[in-house]
Amino acid sequence: MKKKMKVLIALVCLGAVYLVTKEMENKPISDLAFQNIEALAQGEGPENHVCFNYGDIDCYGVKVDYKMTGLNLDPERETE
């Protein structure tokens, strides 16, 4: 009985995964969704930045070796 239940649950999960992938196939991301993804990636700080390792450069109160700013997901938007 337990084996039949496990097989049934596995089949239901596989069916759900198949239906979701079939539904999402060939659907481009809308501009609004793209802007939301970029807004979530930016965080709460004044600019997009990533800080690496420990060093001499100030990165919002932390001394780092390398600071990368102007991160952006939009290929058409210019960075400074």
N, C-alpha and C. Protein backbone atom coordinates (compact mmCIF):
# COMPACT_ATOMS: atom_id res chain seq x y z
N MET A 1 0.83 -1.20 0.00
CA MET A 1 0.00 0.00 0.00
C MET A 1 0.87 1.27 0.00
N LYS A 2 1.93 1.28 0.84
CA LYS A 2 2.81 2.44 0.91
C LYS A 2 3.54 2.64 -0.41
N LYS A 3 3.92 1.54 -1.04
CA LYS A 3 4.63 1.62 -2.31
C LYS A 3 3.73 2.22 -3.39
N LYS A 4 2.46 1.83 -3.39
CA LYS A 4 1.51 2.38 -4.37
C LYS A 4 1.30 3.87 -4.15
N MET A 5 1.24 4.29 -2.89
CA MET A 5 1.08 5.72 -2.58
C MET A 5 2.29 6.52 -3.04
N LYS A 6 3.49 6.00 -2.81
CA LYS A 6 4.71 6.69 -3.23
C LYS A 6 4.76 6.82 -4.75
N VAL A 7 4.37 5.76 -5.46
CA VAL A 7 4.36 5.81 -6.92
C VAL A 7 3.32 6.81 -7.40
N LEU A 8 2.16 6.84 -6.78
CA LEU A 8 1.11 7.79 -7.15
C LEU A 8 1.57 9.23 -6.93
N ILE A 9 2.19 9.49 -5.79
CA ILE A 9 2.69 10.85 -5.49
C ILE A 9 3.77 11.24 -6.49
N ALA A 10 4.66 10.31 -6.82
CA ALA A 10 5.71 10.60 -7.79
C ALA A 10 5.12 10.92 -9.16
N LEU A 11 4.11 10.17 -9.57
CA LEU A 11 3.47 10.43 -10.86
C LEU A 11 2.76 11.79 -10.89
N VAL A 12 2.11 12.13 -9.80
CA VAL A 12 1.44 13.43 -9.71
C VAL A 12 2.47 14.56 -9.79
N CYS A 13 3.59 14.41 -9.09
CA CYS A 13 4.64 15.44 -9.13
C CYS A 13 5.23 15.57 -10.53
N LEU A 14 5.51 14.44 -11.17
CA LEU A 14 6.05 14.49 -12.53
C LEU A 14 5.05 15.13 -13.49
N GLY A 15 3.78 14.82 -13.34
CA GLY A 15 2.76 15.44 -14.18
C GLY A 15 2.69 16.94 -13.97
N ALA A 16 2.79 17.38 -12.72
CA ALA A 16 2.76 18.81 -12.42
C ALA A 16 3.96 19.52 -13.03
N VAL A 17 5.14 18.93 -12.90
CA VAL A 17 6.34 19.53 -13.48
C VAL A 17 6.21 19.62 -15.00
N TYR A 18 5.69 18.57 -15.62
CA TYR A 18 5.50 18.58 -17.08
C TYR A 18 4.54 19.69 -17.49
N LEU A 19 3.42 19.82 -16.80
CA LEU A 19 2.43 20.85 -17.15
C LEU A 19 2.99 22.26 -16.98
N VAL A 20 3.75 22.49 -15.92
CA VAL A 20 4.33 23.82 -15.68
C VAL A 20 5.35 24.16 -16.75
N THR A 21 6.23 23.21 -17.09
CA THR A 21 7.23 23.49 -18.12
C THR A 21 6.58 23.67 -19.49
N LYS A 22 5.53 22.93 -19.77
CA LYS A 22 4.82 23.07 -21.04
C LYS A 22 4.14 24.45 -21.12
N GLU A 23 3.59 24.91 -20.01
CA GLU A 23 2.90 26.20 -19.97
C GLU A 23 3.88 27.36 -20.14
N MET A 24 5.08 27.26 -19.56
CA MET A 24 6.04 28.35 -19.60
C MET A 24 6.90 28.35 -20.86
N GLU A 25 6.75 27.37 -21.71
CA GLU A 25 7.57 27.23 -22.90
C GLU A 25 7.34 28.40 -23.87
N ASN A 26 8.45 28.98 -24.32
CA ASN A 26 8.43 30.03 -25.34
C ASN A 26 7.65 31.28 -24.95
N LYS A 27 7.61 31.61 -23.68
CA LYS A 27 6.96 32.84 -23.25
C LYS A 27 8.04 33.83 -22.83
N PRO A 28 8.17 34.94 -23.56
CA PRO A 28 9.19 35.92 -23.17
C PRO A 28 8.78 36.66 -21.89
N ILE A 29 9.78 37.17 -21.20
CA ILE A 29 9.52 37.94 -19.99
C ILE A 29 9.04 39.33 -20.40
N SER A 30 7.96 39.78 -19.78
CA SER A 30 7.44 41.10 -20.11
C SER A 30 8.36 42.19 -19.57
N ASP A 31 8.20 43.40 -20.08
CA ASP A 31 9.03 44.52 -19.63
C ASP A 31 8.81 44.80 -18.15
N LEU A 32 7.57 44.68 -17.70
CA LEU A 32 7.27 44.93 -16.29
C LEU A 32 7.96 43.89 -15.40
N ALA A 33 7.91 42.63 -15.79
CA ALA A 33 8.59 41.60 -15.01
C ALA A 33 10.10 41.84 -15.01
N PHE A 34 10.64 42.26 -16.14
CA PHE A 34 12.07 42.55 -16.24
C PHE A 34 12.45 43.70 -15.30
N GLN A 35 11.62 44.74 -15.25
CA GLN A 35 11.89 45.87 -14.36
C GLN A 35 11.78 45.45 -12.90
N ASN A 36 10.84 44.56 -12.58
CA ASN A 36 10.71 44.07 -11.20
C ASN A 36 11.92 43.26 -10.79
N ILE A 37 12.42 42.42 -11.69
CA ILE A 37 13.61 41.62 -11.39
C ILE A 37 14.80 42.54 -11.14
N GLU A 38 14.95 43.57 -11.97
CA GLU A 38 16.06 44.50 -11.79
C GLU A 38 15.92 45.27 -10.48
N ALA A 39 14.70 45.68 -10.12
CA ALA A 39 14.49 46.41 -8.87
C ALA A 39 14.82 45.53 -7.67
N LEU A 40 14.46 44.26 -7.73
CA LEU A 40 14.79 43.36 -6.63
C LEU A 40 16.30 43.12 -6.54
N ALA A 41 16.96 43.10 -7.67
CA ALA A 41 18.41 42.87 -7.68
C ALA A 41 19.17 44.07 -7.16
N GLN A 42 18.60 45.27 -7.25
CA GLN A 42 19.30 46.48 -6.85
C GLN A 42 19.44 46.60 -5.34
N GLY A 43 18.49 46.14 -4.58
CA GLY A 43 18.58 46.27 -3.13
C GLY A 43 18.14 47.64 -2.67
N GLU A 44 18.47 47.97 -1.43
CA GLU A 44 18.01 49.21 -0.81
C GLU A 44 19.05 50.31 -0.82
N GLY A 45 20.26 50.04 -1.23
CA GLY A 45 21.34 51.02 -1.20
C GLY A 45 21.18 52.08 -2.28
N PRO A 46 22.04 53.11 -2.24
CA PRO A 46 21.95 54.19 -3.21
C PRO A 46 22.34 53.78 -4.62
N GLU A 47 23.10 52.71 -4.78
CA GLU A 47 23.50 52.26 -6.11
C GLU A 47 23.76 50.76 -6.07
N ASN A 48 23.79 50.16 -7.23
CA ASN A 48 24.12 48.73 -7.30
C ASN A 48 25.62 48.56 -7.15
N HIS A 49 26.02 47.69 -6.26
CA HIS A 49 27.44 47.46 -6.06
C HIS A 49 27.68 46.05 -5.51
N VAL A 50 28.87 45.56 -5.76
CA VAL A 50 29.32 44.30 -5.20
C VAL A 50 30.73 44.53 -4.69
N CYS A 51 31.02 44.07 -3.48
CA CYS A 51 32.33 44.26 -2.88
C CYS A 51 32.99 42.91 -2.70
N PHE A 52 34.31 42.85 -3.01
CA PHE A 52 35.05 41.59 -2.95
C PHE A 52 36.25 41.69 -2.02
N ASN A 53 36.48 40.64 -1.26
CA ASN A 53 37.67 40.45 -0.42
C ASN A 53 37.88 41.58 0.58
N TYR A 54 38.95 41.52 1.31
CA TYR A 54 39.32 42.56 2.27
C TYR A 54 40.49 43.35 1.71
N GLY A 55 40.43 44.70 1.86
CA GLY A 55 41.50 45.52 1.31
C GLY A 55 41.42 46.94 1.81
N ASP A 56 41.78 47.92 0.94
CA ASP A 56 41.87 49.32 1.32
C ASP A 56 40.73 50.20 0.81
N ILE A 57 39.89 49.71 -0.07
CA ILE A 57 38.81 50.51 -0.66
C ILE A 57 37.60 50.48 0.26
N ASP A 58 37.00 51.67 0.50
CA ASP A 58 35.82 51.76 1.35
C ASP A 58 34.58 51.38 0.56
N CYS A 59 33.83 50.43 1.08
CA CYS A 59 32.59 50.00 0.45
C CYS A 59 31.49 50.06 1.50
N TYR A 60 30.94 51.26 1.70
CA TYR A 60 29.86 51.49 2.66
C TYR A 60 30.23 51.01 4.06
N GLY A 61 31.39 51.45 4.53
CA GLY A 61 31.82 51.16 5.88
C GLY A 61 32.67 49.92 6.03
N VAL A 62 32.89 49.19 4.96
CA VAL A 62 33.71 47.97 5.00
C VAL A 62 34.89 48.17 4.06
N LYS A 63 36.09 47.84 4.50
CA LYS A 63 37.27 47.94 3.66
C LYS A 63 37.39 46.70 2.79
N VAL A 64 37.40 46.90 1.45
CA VAL A 64 37.43 45.77 0.51
C VAL A 64 38.59 45.92 -0.47
N ASP A 65 38.86 44.86 -1.20
CA ASP A 65 39.91 44.85 -2.21
C ASP A 65 39.39 45.38 -3.55
N TYR A 66 38.12 45.11 -3.86
CA TYR A 66 37.57 45.50 -5.16
C TYR A 66 36.09 45.82 -5.01
N LYS A 67 35.65 46.93 -5.61
CA LYS A 67 34.25 47.34 -5.56
C LYS A 67 33.75 47.53 -6.98
N MET A 68 32.68 46.83 -7.34
CA MET A 68 32.10 46.93 -8.67
C MET A 68 30.74 47.63 -8.54
N THR A 69 30.56 48.72 -9.30
CA THR A 69 29.31 49.48 -9.22
C THR A 69 28.66 49.56 -10.60
N GLY A 70 27.41 50.05 -10.61
CA GLY A 70 26.69 50.24 -11.86
C GLY A 70 26.16 48.94 -12.44
N LEU A 71 25.86 47.96 -11.59
CA LEU A 71 25.34 46.69 -12.07
C LEU A 71 23.93 46.89 -12.61
N ASN A 72 23.61 46.17 -13.69
CA ASN A 72 22.35 46.42 -14.37
C ASN A 72 21.99 45.21 -15.21
N LEU A 73 20.71 44.85 -15.26
CA LEU A 73 20.25 43.74 -16.09
C LEU A 73 19.79 44.19 -17.47
N ASP A 74 19.56 45.46 -17.66
CA ASP A 74 19.05 45.98 -18.93
C ASP A 74 20.21 46.22 -19.89
N PRO A 75 20.29 45.49 -21.01
CA PRO A 75 21.44 45.66 -21.92
C PRO A 75 21.45 47.00 -22.64
N GLU A 76 20.31 47.70 -22.71
CA GLU A 76 20.26 48.98 -23.42
C GLU A 76 20.53 50.17 -22.53
N ARG A 77 20.52 49.98 -21.20
CA ARG A 77 20.74 51.09 -20.28
C ARG A 77 22.22 51.33 -20.10
N GLU A 78 22.63 52.57 -20.23
CA GLU A 78 24.05 52.94 -20.08
C GLU A 78 24.42 52.95 -18.61
N THR A 79 25.64 52.56 -18.31
CA THR A 79 26.16 52.66 -16.94
C THR A 79 27.23 53.75 -16.93
N GLU A 80 27.38 54.38 -15.80
CA GLU A 80 28.38 55.45 -15.68
C GLU A 80 29.74 54.87 -15.53
